[in-house]
PDBML (XML) file of the C-alpha atoms, coordinates in Angstrom:
<?xml version="1.0" encoding="UTF-8" ?>
<PDBx:datablock datablockName="MODEL"
   xmlns:PDBx="http://pdbml.pdb.org/schema/pdbx-v50.xsd"
   xmlns:xsi="http://www.w3.org/2001/XMLSchema-instance"
   xsi:schemaLocation="http://pdbml.pdb.org/schema/pdbx-v50.xsd pdbx-v50.xsd">
   <PDBx:atom_siteCategory>
      <PDBx:atom_site id="1">
         <PDBx:B_iso_or_equiv>0.00</PDBx:B_iso_or_equiv>
         <PDBx:Cartn_x>-0.131</PDBx:Cartn_x>
         <PDBx:Cartn_y>-0.001</PDBx:Cartn_y>
         <PDBx:Cartn_z>0.427</PDBx:Cartn_z>
         <PDBx:auth_asym_id>A</PDBx:auth_asym_id>
         <PDBx:auth_atom_id>CA</PDBx:auth_atom_id>
         <PDBx:auth_comp_id>ASP</PDBx:auth_comp_id>
         <PDBx:auth_seq_id>1</PDBx:auth_seq_id>
         <PDBx:group_PDB>ATOM</PDBx:group_PDB>
         <PDBx:label_alt_id xsi:nil="true" />
         <PDBx:label_asym_id>A</PDBx:label_asym_id>
         <PDBx:label_atom_id>CA</PDBx:label_atom_id>
         <PDBx:label_comp_id>ASP</PDBx:label_comp_id>
         <PDBx:label_entity_id>1</PDBx:label_entity_id>
         <PDBx:label_seq_id>1</PDBx:label_seq_id>
         <PDBx:occupancy>1.00</PDBx:occupancy>
         <PDBx:pdbx_PDB_model_num>1</PDBx:pdbx_PDB_model_num>
         <PDBx:type_symbol>C</PDBx:type_symbol>
      </PDBx:atom_site>
      <PDBx:atom_site id="2">
         <PDBx:B_iso_or_equiv>0.00</PDBx:B_iso_or_equiv>
         <PDBx:Cartn_x>1.239</PDBx:Cartn_x>
         <PDBx:Cartn_y>3.561</PDBx:Cartn_y>
         <PDBx:Cartn_z>-0.948</PDBx:Cartn_z>
         <PDBx:auth_asym_id>A</PDBx:auth_asym_id>
         <PDBx:auth_atom_id>CA</PDBx:auth_atom_id>
         <PDBx:auth_comp_id>ALA</PDBx:auth_comp_id>
         <PDBx:auth_seq_id>2</PDBx:auth_seq_id>
         <PDBx:group_PDB>ATOM</PDBx:group_PDB>
         <PDBx:label_alt_id xsi:nil="true" />
         <PDBx:label_asym_id>A</PDBx:label_asym_id>
         <PDBx:label_atom_id>CA</PDBx:label_atom_id>
         <PDBx:label_comp_id>ALA</PDBx:label_comp_id>
         <PDBx:label_entity_id>1</PDBx:label_entity_id>
         <PDBx:label_seq_id>2</PDBx:label_seq_id>
         <PDBx:occupancy>1.00</PDBx:occupancy>
         <PDBx:pdbx_PDB_model_num>1</PDBx:pdbx_PDB_model_num>
         <PDBx:type_symbol>C</PDBx:type_symbol>
      </PDBx:atom_site>
      <PDBx:atom_site id="3">
         <PDBx:B_iso_or_equiv>0.00</PDBx:B_iso_or_equiv>
         <PDBx:Cartn_x>0.377</PDBx:Cartn_x>
         <PDBx:Cartn_y>4.913</PDBx:Cartn_y>
         <PDBx:Cartn_z>2.062</PDBx:Cartn_z>
         <PDBx:auth_asym_id>A</PDBx:auth_asym_id>
         <PDBx:auth_atom_id>CA</PDBx:auth_atom_id>
         <PDBx:auth_comp_id>ALA</PDBx:auth_comp_id>
         <PDBx:auth_seq_id>3</PDBx:auth_seq_id>
         <PDBx:group_PDB>ATOM</PDBx:group_PDB>
         <PDBx:label_alt_id xsi:nil="true" />
         <PDBx:label_asym_id>A</PDBx:label_asym_id>
         <PDBx:label_atom_id>CA</PDBx:label_atom_id>
         <PDBx:label_comp_id>ALA</PDBx:label_comp_id>
         <PDBx:label_entity_id>1</PDBx:label_entity_id>
         <PDBx:label_seq_id>3</PDBx:label_seq_id>
         <PDBx:occupancy>1.00</PDBx:occupancy>
         <PDBx:pdbx_PDB_model_num>1</PDBx:pdbx_PDB_model_num>
         <PDBx:type_symbol>C</PDBx:type_symbol>
      </PDBx:atom_site>
      <PDBx:atom_site id="4">
         <PDBx:B_iso_or_equiv>0.00</PDBx:B_iso_or_equiv>
         <PDBx:Cartn_x>1.841</PDBx:Cartn_x>
         <PDBx:Cartn_y>2.718</PDBx:Cartn_y>
         <PDBx:Cartn_z>4.480</PDBx:Cartn_z>
         <PDBx:auth_asym_id>A</PDBx:auth_asym_id>
         <PDBx:auth_atom_id>CA</PDBx:auth_atom_id>
         <PDBx:auth_comp_id>LEU</PDBx:auth_comp_id>
         <PDBx:auth_seq_id>4</PDBx:auth_seq_id>
         <PDBx:group_PDB>ATOM</PDBx:group_PDB>
         <PDBx:label_alt_id xsi:nil="true" />
         <PDBx:label_asym_id>A</PDBx:label_asym_id>
         <PDBx:label_atom_id>CA</PDBx:label_atom_id>
         <PDBx:label_comp_id>LEU</PDBx:label_comp_id>
         <PDBx:label_entity_id>1</PDBx:label_entity_id>
         <PDBx:label_seq_id>4</PDBx:label_seq_id>
         <PDBx:occupancy>1.00</PDBx:occupancy>
         <PDBx:pdbx_PDB_model_num>1</PDBx:pdbx_PDB_model_num>
         <PDBx:type_symbol>C</PDBx:type_symbol>
      </PDBx:atom_site>
      <PDBx:atom_site id="5">
         <PDBx:B_iso_or_equiv>0.00</PDBx:B_iso_or_equiv>
         <PDBx:Cartn_x>4.553</PDBx:Cartn_x>
         <PDBx:Cartn_y>2.912</PDBx:Cartn_y>
         <PDBx:Cartn_z>2.532</PDBx:Cartn_z>
         <PDBx:auth_asym_id>A</PDBx:auth_asym_id>
         <PDBx:auth_atom_id>CA</PDBx:auth_atom_id>
         <PDBx:auth_comp_id>LEU</PDBx:auth_comp_id>
         <PDBx:auth_seq_id>5</PDBx:auth_seq_id>
         <PDBx:group_PDB>ATOM</PDBx:group_PDB>
         <PDBx:label_alt_id xsi:nil="true" />
         <PDBx:label_asym_id>A</PDBx:label_asym_id>
         <PDBx:label_atom_id>CA</PDBx:label_atom_id>
         <PDBx:label_comp_id>LEU</PDBx:label_comp_id>
         <PDBx:label_entity_id>1</PDBx:label_entity_id>
         <PDBx:label_seq_id>5</PDBx:label_seq_id>
         <PDBx:occupancy>1.00</PDBx:occupancy>
         <PDBx:pdbx_PDB_model_num>1</PDBx:pdbx_PDB_model_num>
         <PDBx:type_symbol>C</PDBx:type_symbol>
      </PDBx:atom_site>
      <PDBx:atom_site id="6">
         <PDBx:B_iso_or_equiv>0.00</PDBx:B_iso_or_equiv>
         <PDBx:Cartn_x>5.057</PDBx:Cartn_x>
         <PDBx:Cartn_y>6.766</PDBx:Cartn_y>
         <PDBx:Cartn_z>2.609</PDBx:Cartn_z>
         <PDBx:auth_asym_id>A</PDBx:auth_asym_id>
         <PDBx:auth_atom_id>CA</PDBx:auth_atom_id>
         <PDBx:auth_comp_id>ALA</PDBx:auth_comp_id>
         <PDBx:auth_seq_id>6</PDBx:auth_seq_id>
         <PDBx:group_PDB>ATOM</PDBx:group_PDB>
         <PDBx:label_alt_id xsi:nil="true" />
         <PDBx:label_asym_id>A</PDBx:label_asym_id>
         <PDBx:label_atom_id>CA</PDBx:label_atom_id>
         <PDBx:label_comp_id>ALA</PDBx:label_comp_id>
         <PDBx:label_entity_id>1</PDBx:label_entity_id>
         <PDBx:label_seq_id>6</PDBx:label_seq_id>
         <PDBx:occupancy>1.00</PDBx:occupancy>
         <PDBx:pdbx_PDB_model_num>1</PDBx:pdbx_PDB_model_num>
         <PDBx:type_symbol>C</PDBx:type_symbol>
      </PDBx:atom_site>
      <PDBx:atom_site id="7">
         <PDBx:B_iso_or_equiv>0.00</PDBx:B_iso_or_equiv>
         <PDBx:Cartn_x>3.450</PDBx:Cartn_x>
         <PDBx:Cartn_y>6.741</PDBx:Cartn_y>
         <PDBx:Cartn_z>6.167</PDBx:Cartn_z>
         <PDBx:auth_asym_id>A</PDBx:auth_asym_id>
         <PDBx:auth_atom_id>CA</PDBx:auth_atom_id>
         <PDBx:auth_comp_id>GLU</PDBx:auth_comp_id>
         <PDBx:auth_seq_id>7</PDBx:auth_seq_id>
         <PDBx:group_PDB>ATOM</PDBx:group_PDB>
         <PDBx:label_alt_id xsi:nil="true" />
         <PDBx:label_asym_id>A</PDBx:label_asym_id>
         <PDBx:label_atom_id>CA</PDBx:label_atom_id>
         <PDBx:label_comp_id>GLU</PDBx:label_comp_id>
         <PDBx:label_entity_id>1</PDBx:label_entity_id>
         <PDBx:label_seq_id>7</PDBx:label_seq_id>
         <PDBx:occupancy>1.00</PDBx:occupancy>
         <PDBx:pdbx_PDB_model_num>1</PDBx:pdbx_PDB_model_num>
         <PDBx:type_symbol>C</PDBx:type_symbol>
      </PDBx:atom_site>
      <PDBx:atom_site id="8">
         <PDBx:B_iso_or_equiv>0.00</PDBx:B_iso_or_equiv>
         <PDBx:Cartn_x>6.840</PDBx:Cartn_x>
         <PDBx:Cartn_y>4.179</PDBx:Cartn_y>
         <PDBx:Cartn_z>7.483</PDBx:Cartn_z>
         <PDBx:auth_asym_id>A</PDBx:auth_asym_id>
         <PDBx:auth_atom_id>CA</PDBx:auth_atom_id>
         <PDBx:auth_comp_id>GLY</PDBx:auth_comp_id>
         <PDBx:auth_seq_id>8</PDBx:auth_seq_id>
         <PDBx:group_PDB>ATOM</PDBx:group_PDB>
         <PDBx:label_alt_id xsi:nil="true" />
         <PDBx:label_asym_id>A</PDBx:label_asym_id>
         <PDBx:label_atom_id>CA</PDBx:label_atom_id>
         <PDBx:label_comp_id>GLY</PDBx:label_comp_id>
         <PDBx:label_entity_id>1</PDBx:label_entity_id>
         <PDBx:label_seq_id>8</PDBx:label_seq_id>
         <PDBx:occupancy>1.00</PDBx:occupancy>
         <PDBx:pdbx_PDB_model_num>1</PDBx:pdbx_PDB_model_num>
         <PDBx:type_symbol>C</PDBx:type_symbol>
      </PDBx:atom_site>
      <PDBx:atom_site id="9">
         <PDBx:B_iso_or_equiv>0.00</PDBx:B_iso_or_equiv>
         <PDBx:Cartn_x>9.382</PDBx:Cartn_x>
         <PDBx:Cartn_y>6.422</PDBx:Cartn_y>
         <PDBx:Cartn_z>5.050</PDBx:Cartn_z>
         <PDBx:auth_asym_id>A</PDBx:auth_asym_id>
         <PDBx:auth_atom_id>CA</PDBx:auth_atom_id>
         <PDBx:auth_comp_id>PHE</PDBx:auth_comp_id>
         <PDBx:auth_seq_id>9</PDBx:auth_seq_id>
         <PDBx:group_PDB>ATOM</PDBx:group_PDB>
         <PDBx:label_alt_id xsi:nil="true" />
         <PDBx:label_asym_id>A</PDBx:label_asym_id>
         <PDBx:label_atom_id>CA</PDBx:label_atom_id>
         <PDBx:label_comp_id>PHE</PDBx:label_comp_id>
         <PDBx:label_entity_id>1</PDBx:label_entity_id>
         <PDBx:label_seq_id>9</PDBx:label_seq_id>
         <PDBx:occupancy>1.00</PDBx:occupancy>
         <PDBx:pdbx_PDB_model_num>1</PDBx:pdbx_PDB_model_num>
         <PDBx:type_symbol>C</PDBx:type_symbol>
      </PDBx:atom_site>
      <PDBx:atom_site id="10">
         <PDBx:B_iso_or_equiv>0.00</PDBx:B_iso_or_equiv>
         <PDBx:Cartn_x>7.768</PDBx:Cartn_x>
         <PDBx:Cartn_y>9.534</PDBx:Cartn_y>
         <PDBx:Cartn_z>7.628</PDBx:Cartn_z>
         <PDBx:auth_asym_id>A</PDBx:auth_asym_id>
         <PDBx:auth_atom_id>CA</PDBx:auth_atom_id>
         <PDBx:auth_comp_id>GLN</PDBx:auth_comp_id>
         <PDBx:auth_seq_id>10</PDBx:auth_seq_id>
         <PDBx:group_PDB>ATOM</PDBx:group_PDB>
         <PDBx:label_alt_id xsi:nil="true" />
         <PDBx:label_asym_id>A</PDBx:label_asym_id>
         <PDBx:label_atom_id>CA</PDBx:label_atom_id>
         <PDBx:label_comp_id>GLN</PDBx:label_comp_id>
         <PDBx:label_entity_id>1</PDBx:label_entity_id>
         <PDBx:label_seq_id>10</PDBx:label_seq_id>
         <PDBx:occupancy>1.00</PDBx:occupancy>
         <PDBx:pdbx_PDB_model_num>1</PDBx:pdbx_PDB_model_num>
         <PDBx:type_symbol>C</PDBx:type_symbol>
      </PDBx:atom_site>
      <PDBx:atom_site id="11">
         <PDBx:B_iso_or_equiv>0.00</PDBx:B_iso_or_equiv>
         <PDBx:Cartn_x>8.733</PDBx:Cartn_x>
         <PDBx:Cartn_y>7.118</PDBx:Cartn_y>
         <PDBx:Cartn_z>10.589</PDBx:Cartn_z>
         <PDBx:auth_asym_id>A</PDBx:auth_asym_id>
         <PDBx:auth_atom_id>CA</PDBx:auth_atom_id>
         <PDBx:auth_comp_id>VAL</PDBx:auth_comp_id>
         <PDBx:auth_seq_id>11</PDBx:auth_seq_id>
         <PDBx:group_PDB>ATOM</PDBx:group_PDB>
         <PDBx:label_alt_id xsi:nil="true" />
         <PDBx:label_asym_id>A</PDBx:label_asym_id>
         <PDBx:label_atom_id>CA</PDBx:label_atom_id>
         <PDBx:label_comp_id>VAL</PDBx:label_comp_id>
         <PDBx:label_entity_id>1</PDBx:label_entity_id>
         <PDBx:label_seq_id>11</PDBx:label_seq_id>
         <PDBx:occupancy>1.00</PDBx:occupancy>
         <PDBx:pdbx_PDB_model_num>1</PDBx:pdbx_PDB_model_num>
         <PDBx:type_symbol>C</PDBx:type_symbol>
      </PDBx:atom_site>
      <PDBx:atom_site id="12">
         <PDBx:B_iso_or_equiv>0.00</PDBx:B_iso_or_equiv>
         <PDBx:Cartn_x>11.983</PDBx:Cartn_x>
         <PDBx:Cartn_y>6.793</PDBx:Cartn_y>
         <PDBx:Cartn_z>9.146</PDBx:Cartn_z>
         <PDBx:auth_asym_id>A</PDBx:auth_asym_id>
         <PDBx:auth_atom_id>CA</PDBx:auth_atom_id>
         <PDBx:auth_comp_id>PHE</PDBx:auth_comp_id>
         <PDBx:auth_seq_id>12</PDBx:auth_seq_id>
         <PDBx:group_PDB>ATOM</PDBx:group_PDB>
         <PDBx:label_alt_id xsi:nil="true" />
         <PDBx:label_asym_id>A</PDBx:label_asym_id>
         <PDBx:label_atom_id>CA</PDBx:label_atom_id>
         <PDBx:label_comp_id>PHE</PDBx:label_comp_id>
         <PDBx:label_entity_id>1</PDBx:label_entity_id>
         <PDBx:label_seq_id>12</PDBx:label_seq_id>
         <PDBx:occupancy>1.00</PDBx:occupancy>
         <PDBx:pdbx_PDB_model_num>1</PDBx:pdbx_PDB_model_num>
         <PDBx:type_symbol>C</PDBx:type_symbol>
      </PDBx:atom_site>
      <PDBx:atom_site id="13">
         <PDBx:B_iso_or_equiv>0.00</PDBx:B_iso_or_equiv>
         <PDBx:Cartn_x>13.114</PDBx:Cartn_x>
         <PDBx:Cartn_y>10.003</PDBx:Cartn_y>
         <PDBx:Cartn_z>9.113</PDBx:Cartn_z>
         <PDBx:auth_asym_id>A</PDBx:auth_asym_id>
         <PDBx:auth_atom_id>CA</PDBx:auth_atom_id>
         <PDBx:auth_comp_id>CYS</PDBx:auth_comp_id>
         <PDBx:auth_seq_id>13</PDBx:auth_seq_id>
         <PDBx:group_PDB>ATOM</PDBx:group_PDB>
         <PDBx:label_alt_id xsi:nil="true" />
         <PDBx:label_asym_id>A</PDBx:label_asym_id>
         <PDBx:label_atom_id>CA</PDBx:label_atom_id>
         <PDBx:label_comp_id>CYS</PDBx:label_comp_id>
         <PDBx:label_entity_id>1</PDBx:label_entity_id>
         <PDBx:label_seq_id>13</PDBx:label_seq_id>
         <PDBx:occupancy>1.00</PDBx:occupancy>
         <PDBx:pdbx_PDB_model_num>1</PDBx:pdbx_PDB_model_num>
         <PDBx:type_symbol>C</PDBx:type_symbol>
      </PDBx:atom_site>
      <PDBx:atom_site id="14">
         <PDBx:B_iso_or_equiv>0.00</PDBx:B_iso_or_equiv>
         <PDBx:Cartn_x>11.688</PDBx:Cartn_x>
         <PDBx:Cartn_y>11.137</PDBx:Cartn_y>
         <PDBx:Cartn_z>12.616</PDBx:Cartn_z>
         <PDBx:auth_asym_id>A</PDBx:auth_asym_id>
         <PDBx:auth_atom_id>CA</PDBx:auth_atom_id>
         <PDBx:auth_comp_id>GLN</PDBx:auth_comp_id>
         <PDBx:auth_seq_id>14</PDBx:auth_seq_id>
         <PDBx:group_PDB>ATOM</PDBx:group_PDB>
         <PDBx:label_alt_id xsi:nil="true" />
         <PDBx:label_asym_id>A</PDBx:label_asym_id>
         <PDBx:label_atom_id>CA</PDBx:label_atom_id>
         <PDBx:label_comp_id>GLN</PDBx:label_comp_id>
         <PDBx:label_entity_id>1</PDBx:label_entity_id>
         <PDBx:label_seq_id>14</PDBx:label_seq_id>
         <PDBx:occupancy>1.00</PDBx:occupancy>
         <PDBx:pdbx_PDB_model_num>1</PDBx:pdbx_PDB_model_num>
         <PDBx:type_symbol>C</PDBx:type_symbol>
      </PDBx:atom_site>
      <PDBx:atom_site id="15">
         <PDBx:B_iso_or_equiv>0.00</PDBx:B_iso_or_equiv>
         <PDBx:Cartn_x>14.394</PDBx:Cartn_x>
         <PDBx:Cartn_y>7.608</PDBx:Cartn_y>
         <PDBx:Cartn_z>13.874</PDBx:Cartn_z>
         <PDBx:auth_asym_id>A</PDBx:auth_asym_id>
         <PDBx:auth_atom_id>CA</PDBx:auth_atom_id>
         <PDBx:auth_comp_id>ARG</PDBx:auth_comp_id>
         <PDBx:auth_seq_id>15</PDBx:auth_seq_id>
         <PDBx:group_PDB>ATOM</PDBx:group_PDB>
         <PDBx:label_alt_id xsi:nil="true" />
         <PDBx:label_asym_id>A</PDBx:label_asym_id>
         <PDBx:label_atom_id>CA</PDBx:label_atom_id>
         <PDBx:label_comp_id>ARG</PDBx:label_comp_id>
         <PDBx:label_entity_id>1</PDBx:label_entity_id>
         <PDBx:label_seq_id>15</PDBx:label_seq_id>
         <PDBx:occupancy>1.00</PDBx:occupancy>
         <PDBx:pdbx_PDB_model_num>1</PDBx:pdbx_PDB_model_num>
         <PDBx:type_symbol>C</PDBx:type_symbol>
      </PDBx:atom_site>
      <PDBx:atom_site id="16">
         <PDBx:B_iso_or_equiv>0.00</PDBx:B_iso_or_equiv>
         <PDBx:Cartn_x>16.999</PDBx:Cartn_x>
         <PDBx:Cartn_y>9.207</PDBx:Cartn_y>
         <PDBx:Cartn_z>12.686</PDBx:Cartn_z>
         <PDBx:auth_asym_id>A</PDBx:auth_asym_id>
         <PDBx:auth_atom_id>CA</PDBx:auth_atom_id>
         <PDBx:auth_comp_id>HIS</PDBx:auth_comp_id>
         <PDBx:auth_seq_id>16</PDBx:auth_seq_id>
         <PDBx:group_PDB>ATOM</PDBx:group_PDB>
         <PDBx:label_alt_id xsi:nil="true" />
         <PDBx:label_asym_id>A</PDBx:label_asym_id>
         <PDBx:label_atom_id>CA</PDBx:label_atom_id>
         <PDBx:label_comp_id>HIS</PDBx:label_comp_id>
         <PDBx:label_entity_id>1</PDBx:label_entity_id>
         <PDBx:label_seq_id>16</PDBx:label_seq_id>
         <PDBx:occupancy>1.00</PDBx:occupancy>
         <PDBx:pdbx_PDB_model_num>1</PDBx:pdbx_PDB_model_num>
         <PDBx:type_symbol>C</PDBx:type_symbol>
      </PDBx:atom_site>
      <PDBx:atom_site id="17">
         <PDBx:B_iso_or_equiv>0.00</PDBx:B_iso_or_equiv>
         <PDBx:Cartn_x>16.435</PDBx:Cartn_x>
         <PDBx:Cartn_y>13.127</PDBx:Cartn_y>
         <PDBx:Cartn_z>12.322</PDBx:Cartn_z>
         <PDBx:auth_asym_id>A</PDBx:auth_asym_id>
         <PDBx:auth_atom_id>CA</PDBx:auth_atom_id>
         <PDBx:auth_comp_id>GLY</PDBx:auth_comp_id>
         <PDBx:auth_seq_id>17</PDBx:auth_seq_id>
         <PDBx:group_PDB>ATOM</PDBx:group_PDB>
         <PDBx:label_alt_id xsi:nil="true" />
         <PDBx:label_asym_id>A</PDBx:label_asym_id>
         <PDBx:label_atom_id>CA</PDBx:label_atom_id>
         <PDBx:label_comp_id>GLY</PDBx:label_comp_id>
         <PDBx:label_entity_id>1</PDBx:label_entity_id>
         <PDBx:label_seq_id>17</PDBx:label_seq_id>
         <PDBx:occupancy>1.00</PDBx:occupancy>
         <PDBx:pdbx_PDB_model_num>1</PDBx:pdbx_PDB_model_num>
         <PDBx:type_symbol>C</PDBx:type_symbol>
      </PDBx:atom_site>
      <PDBx:atom_site id="18">
         <PDBx:B_iso_or_equiv>0.00</PDBx:B_iso_or_equiv>
         <PDBx:Cartn_x>16.158</PDBx:Cartn_x>
         <PDBx:Cartn_y>13.495</PDBx:Cartn_y>
         <PDBx:Cartn_z>8.418</PDBx:Cartn_z>
         <PDBx:auth_asym_id>A</PDBx:auth_asym_id>
         <PDBx:auth_atom_id>CA</PDBx:auth_atom_id>
         <PDBx:auth_comp_id>PHE</PDBx:auth_comp_id>
         <PDBx:auth_seq_id>18</PDBx:auth_seq_id>
         <PDBx:group_PDB>ATOM</PDBx:group_PDB>
         <PDBx:label_alt_id xsi:nil="true" />
         <PDBx:label_asym_id>A</PDBx:label_asym_id>
         <PDBx:label_atom_id>CA</PDBx:label_atom_id>
         <PDBx:label_comp_id>PHE</PDBx:label_comp_id>
         <PDBx:label_entity_id>1</PDBx:label_entity_id>
         <PDBx:label_seq_id>18</PDBx:label_seq_id>
         <PDBx:occupancy>1.00</PDBx:occupancy>
         <PDBx:pdbx_PDB_model_num>1</PDBx:pdbx_PDB_model_num>
         <PDBx:type_symbol>C</PDBx:type_symbol>
      </PDBx:atom_site>
      <PDBx:atom_site id="19">
         <PDBx:B_iso_or_equiv>0.00</PDBx:B_iso_or_equiv>
         <PDBx:Cartn_x>13.564</PDBx:Cartn_x>
         <PDBx:Cartn_y>15.054</PDBx:Cartn_y>
         <PDBx:Cartn_z>6.132</PDBx:Cartn_z>
         <PDBx:auth_asym_id>A</PDBx:auth_asym_id>
         <PDBx:auth_atom_id>CA</PDBx:auth_atom_id>
         <PDBx:auth_comp_id>THR</PDBx:auth_comp_id>
         <PDBx:auth_seq_id>19</PDBx:auth_seq_id>
         <PDBx:group_PDB>ATOM</PDBx:group_PDB>
         <PDBx:label_alt_id xsi:nil="true" />
         <PDBx:label_asym_id>A</PDBx:label_asym_id>
         <PDBx:label_atom_id>CA</PDBx:label_atom_id>
         <PDBx:label_comp_id>THR</PDBx:label_comp_id>
         <PDBx:label_entity_id>1</PDBx:label_entity_id>
         <PDBx:label_seq_id>19</PDBx:label_seq_id>
         <PDBx:occupancy>1.00</PDBx:occupancy>
         <PDBx:pdbx_PDB_model_num>1</PDBx:pdbx_PDB_model_num>
         <PDBx:type_symbol>C</PDBx:type_symbol>
      </PDBx:atom_site>
      <PDBx:atom_site id="20">
         <PDBx:B_iso_or_equiv>0.00</PDBx:B_iso_or_equiv>
         <PDBx:Cartn_x>12.051</PDBx:Cartn_x>
         <PDBx:Cartn_y>13.838</PDBx:Cartn_y>
         <PDBx:Cartn_z>3.180</PDBx:Cartn_z>
         <PDBx:auth_asym_id>A</PDBx:auth_asym_id>
         <PDBx:auth_atom_id>CA</PDBx:auth_atom_id>
         <PDBx:auth_comp_id>PRO</PDBx:auth_comp_id>
         <PDBx:auth_seq_id>20</PDBx:auth_seq_id>
         <PDBx:group_PDB>ATOM</PDBx:group_PDB>
         <PDBx:label_alt_id xsi:nil="true" />
         <PDBx:label_asym_id>A</PDBx:label_asym_id>
         <PDBx:label_atom_id>CA</PDBx:label_atom_id>
         <PDBx:label_comp_id>PRO</PDBx:label_comp_id>
         <PDBx:label_entity_id>1</PDBx:label_entity_id>
         <PDBx:label_seq_id>20</PDBx:label_seq_id>
         <PDBx:occupancy>1.00</PDBx:occupancy>
         <PDBx:pdbx_PDB_model_num>1</PDBx:pdbx_PDB_model_num>
         <PDBx:type_symbol>C</PDBx:type_symbol>
      </PDBx:atom_site>
      <PDBx:atom_site id="21">
         <PDBx:B_iso_or_equiv>0.00</PDBx:B_iso_or_equiv>
         <PDBx:Cartn_x>14.657</PDBx:Cartn_x>
         <PDBx:Cartn_y>16.874</PDBx:Cartn_y>
         <PDBx:Cartn_z>1.342</PDBx:Cartn_z>
         <PDBx:auth_asym_id>A</PDBx:auth_asym_id>
         <PDBx:auth_atom_id>CA</PDBx:auth_atom_id>
         <PDBx:auth_comp_id>GLN</PDBx:auth_comp_id>
         <PDBx:auth_seq_id>21</PDBx:auth_seq_id>
         <PDBx:group_PDB>ATOM</PDBx:group_PDB>
         <PDBx:label_alt_id xsi:nil="true" />
         <PDBx:label_asym_id>A</PDBx:label_asym_id>
         <PDBx:label_atom_id>CA</PDBx:label_atom_id>
         <PDBx:label_comp_id>GLN</PDBx:label_comp_id>
         <PDBx:label_entity_id>1</PDBx:label_entity_id>
         <PDBx:label_seq_id>21</PDBx:label_seq_id>
         <PDBx:occupancy>1.00</PDBx:occupancy>
         <PDBx:pdbx_PDB_model_num>1</PDBx:pdbx_PDB_model_num>
         <PDBx:type_symbol>C</PDBx:type_symbol>
      </PDBx:atom_site>
      <PDBx:atom_site id="22">
         <PDBx:B_iso_or_equiv>0.00</PDBx:B_iso_or_equiv>
         <PDBx:Cartn_x>17.792</PDBx:Cartn_x>
         <PDBx:Cartn_y>15.415</PDBx:Cartn_y>
         <PDBx:Cartn_z>2.860</PDBx:Cartn_z>
         <PDBx:auth_asym_id>A</PDBx:auth_asym_id>
         <PDBx:auth_atom_id>CA</PDBx:auth_atom_id>
         <PDBx:auth_comp_id>THR</PDBx:auth_comp_id>
         <PDBx:auth_seq_id>22</PDBx:auth_seq_id>
         <PDBx:group_PDB>ATOM</PDBx:group_PDB>
         <PDBx:label_alt_id xsi:nil="true" />
         <PDBx:label_asym_id>A</PDBx:label_asym_id>
         <PDBx:label_atom_id>CA</PDBx:label_atom_id>
         <PDBx:label_comp_id>THR</PDBx:label_comp_id>
         <PDBx:label_entity_id>1</PDBx:label_entity_id>
         <PDBx:label_seq_id>22</PDBx:label_seq_id>
         <PDBx:occupancy>1.00</PDBx:occupancy>
         <PDBx:pdbx_PDB_model_num>1</PDBx:pdbx_PDB_model_num>
         <PDBx:type_symbol>C</PDBx:type_symbol>
      </PDBx:atom_site>
      <PDBx:atom_site id="23">
         <PDBx:B_iso_or_equiv>0.00</PDBx:B_iso_or_equiv>
         <PDBx:Cartn_x>16.820</PDBx:Cartn_x>
         <PDBx:Cartn_y>13.215</PDBx:Cartn_y>
         <PDBx:Cartn_z>0.136</PDBx:Cartn_z>
         <PDBx:auth_asym_id>A</PDBx:auth_asym_id>
         <PDBx:auth_atom_id>CA</PDBx:auth_atom_id>
         <PDBx:auth_comp_id>PHE</PDBx:auth_comp_id>
         <PDBx:auth_seq_id>23</PDBx:auth_seq_id>
         <PDBx:group_PDB>ATOM</PDBx:group_PDB>
         <PDBx:label_alt_id xsi:nil="true" />
         <PDBx:label_asym_id>A</PDBx:label_asym_id>
         <PDBx:label_atom_id>CA</PDBx:label_atom_id>
         <PDBx:label_comp_id>PHE</PDBx:label_comp_id>
         <PDBx:label_entity_id>1</PDBx:label_entity_id>
         <PDBx:label_seq_id>23</PDBx:label_seq_id>
         <PDBx:occupancy>1.00</PDBx:occupancy>
         <PDBx:pdbx_PDB_model_num>1</PDBx:pdbx_PDB_model_num>
         <PDBx:type_symbol>C</PDBx:type_symbol>
      </PDBx:atom_site>
      <PDBx:atom_site id="24">
         <PDBx:B_iso_or_equiv>0.00</PDBx:B_iso_or_equiv>
         <PDBx:Cartn_x>16.917</PDBx:Cartn_x>
         <PDBx:Cartn_y>14.869</PDBx:Cartn_y>
         <PDBx:Cartn_z>-2.855</PDBx:Cartn_z>
         <PDBx:auth_asym_id>A</PDBx:auth_asym_id>
         <PDBx:auth_atom_id>CA</PDBx:auth_atom_id>
         <PDBx:auth_comp_id>CYS</PDBx:auth_comp_id>
         <PDBx:auth_seq_id>24</PDBx:auth_seq_id>
         <PDBx:group_PDB>ATOM</PDBx:group_PDB>
         <PDBx:label_alt_id xsi:nil="true" />
         <PDBx:label_asym_id>A</PDBx:label_asym_id>
         <PDBx:label_atom_id>CA</PDBx:label_atom_id>
         <PDBx:label_comp_id>CYS</PDBx:label_comp_id>
         <PDBx:label_entity_id>1</PDBx:label_entity_id>
         <PDBx:label_seq_id>24</PDBx:label_seq_id>
         <PDBx:occupancy>1.00</PDBx:occupancy>
         <PDBx:pdbx_PDB_model_num>1</PDBx:pdbx_PDB_model_num>
         <PDBx:type_symbol>C</PDBx:type_symbol>
      </PDBx:atom_site>
   </PDBx:atom_siteCategory>
</PDBx:datablock>
């Protein structure tokens, strides 16, 4: 599910102090 993938990536970023913009 695309929404679950997006939510999982958000958790991933929060866990390591990243933002989606980190990965340009």
